[in-house]
């Protein structure tokens, strides 16, 4: 549904659940790749989730009312991932709560 959707807003829960599941799956893929002596498996997985990772990060920044370009500013980006949603509708859509 939101695989490569850069429009709209994403709640903190959506973003951090994506990060959590991605970390767990990455660990599993890396483990299996190590067992099979196939290190390329991790690289393939990273390429598969690259666009969705950027999309959910941009939607998360949109939720605070900021432009998606703010994901390029490391410390500020992390702060935006932690703050609560803009409770009102903004230019990126209605509040997802």
Protein backbone atom coordinates (compact mmCIF):
# COMPACT_ATOMS: atom_id res chain seq x y z
CA UNK A 1 0.00 0.00 0.00
CA UNK A 2 2.60 2.58 1.08
CA UNK A 3 5.61 0.77 -0.41
CA UNK A 4 6.79 3.79 -2.38
CA UNK A 5 4.25 6.42 -1.34
CA UNK A 6 6.06 9.66 -0.57
CA UNK A 7 2.82 11.63 -0.06
CA UNK A 8 0.88 11.98 3.12
CA UNK A 9 1.83 11.55 6.73
CA UNK A 10 3.10 8.70 8.92
CA UNK A 11 2.67 8.51 12.68
CA UNK A 12 5.59 7.83 14.97
CA UNK A 13 4.25 4.32 15.55
CA UNK A 14 4.22 3.52 11.82
CA UNK A 15 7.78 4.80 11.38
CA UNK A 16 9.30 3.10 14.44
CA UNK A 17 7.49 -0.20 13.79
CA UNK A 18 8.96 -0.14 10.27
CA UNK A 19 12.42 0.51 11.74
CA UNK A 20 12.00 -2.29 14.31
CA UNK A 21 10.78 -4.92 11.84
CA UNK A 22 13.37 -3.87 9.29
CA UNK A 23 16.13 -4.27 11.89
CA UNK A 24 14.85 -7.73 12.91
CA UNK A 25 14.52 -8.90 9.31
CA UNK A 26 17.94 -7.43 8.42
CA UNK A 27 19.50 -9.36 11.27
CA UNK A 28 17.78 -12.57 10.14
CA UNK A 29 18.77 -12.08 6.51
CA UNK A 30 22.35 -11.34 7.56
CA UNK A 31 22.41 -14.45 9.75
CA UNK A 32 21.02 -16.69 7.01
CA UNK A 33 23.37 -15.10 4.47
CA UNK A 34 26.27 -15.87 6.79
CA UNK A 35 25.17 -19.48 7.24
CA UNK A 36 24.84 -19.95 3.51
CA UNK A 37 28.09 -18.06 2.85
CA UNK A 38 26.09 -15.72 0.62
CA UNK A 39 26.85 -12.18 1.82
CA UNK A 40 25.13 -10.71 -1.24
CA UNK A 41 21.79 -11.63 0.37
CA UNK A 42 22.07 -8.69 2.79
CA UNK A 43 22.86 -6.33 -0.05
CA UNK A 44 19.83 -7.53 -1.99
CA UNK A 45 17.59 -7.02 1.04
CA UNK A 46 19.02 -3.53 1.57
CA UNK A 47 18.23 -2.60 -2.02
CA UNK A 48 14.68 -3.97 -1.70
CA UNK A 49 13.90 -1.84 1.38
CA UNK A 50 15.79 1.29 0.28
CA UNK A 51 12.82 3.07 -1.36
CA UNK A 52 10.29 2.10 1.36
CA UNK A 53 12.72 3.34 4.03
CA UNK A 54 13.01 6.72 2.37
CA UNK A 55 9.24 6.88 1.78
CA UNK A 56 8.30 6.22 5.40
CA UNK A 57 10.94 8.69 6.63
CA UNK A 58 9.60 11.41 4.33
CA UNK A 59 6.01 10.73 5.41
CA UNK A 60 7.16 10.89 9.05
CA UNK A 61 8.78 14.31 8.47
CA UNK A 62 5.61 15.45 6.68
CA UNK A 63 3.70 14.56 9.86
CA UNK A 64 5.51 17.36 11.68
CA UNK A 65 4.65 19.81 8.88
CA UNK A 66 8.16 19.89 7.39
CA UNK A 67 9.42 19.19 3.90
CA UNK A 68 10.73 15.70 3.14
CA UNK A 69 14.11 17.24 2.32
CA UNK A 70 14.71 17.52 6.08
CA UNK A 71 15.65 13.82 6.14
CA UNK A 72 19.02 14.97 4.76
CA UNK A 73 19.88 16.84 7.99
CA UNK A 74 21.05 14.08 10.38
CA UNK A 75 20.45 15.40 13.92
CA UNK A 76 17.37 17.43 13.05
CA UNK A 77 15.99 14.46 11.13
CA UNK A 78 16.28 12.27 14.23
CA UNK A 79 14.52 14.92 16.34
CA UNK A 80 11.68 15.07 13.81
CA UNK A 81 11.29 11.29 14.03
CA UNK A 82 10.78 11.59 17.80
CA UNK A 83 8.38 14.52 18.07
CA UNK A 84 4.61 14.12 18.15
CA UNK A 85 2.37 14.64 15.15
CA UNK A 86 1.08 18.03 14.14
CA UNK A 87 -2.44 17.64 15.60
CA UNK A 88 -4.09 19.63 12.83
CA UNK A 89 -4.29 19.11 9.12
CA UNK A 90 -1.24 20.46 7.33
CA UNK A 91 -0.28 20.79 3.67
CA UNK A 92 0.60 17.08 3.60
CA UNK A 93 -2.83 15.88 4.70
CA UNK A 94 -5.00 15.26 7.76
CA UNK A 95 -3.55 14.08 11.06
CA UNK A 96 -3.18 10.28 10.88
CA UNK A 97 -4.19 9.78 14.52
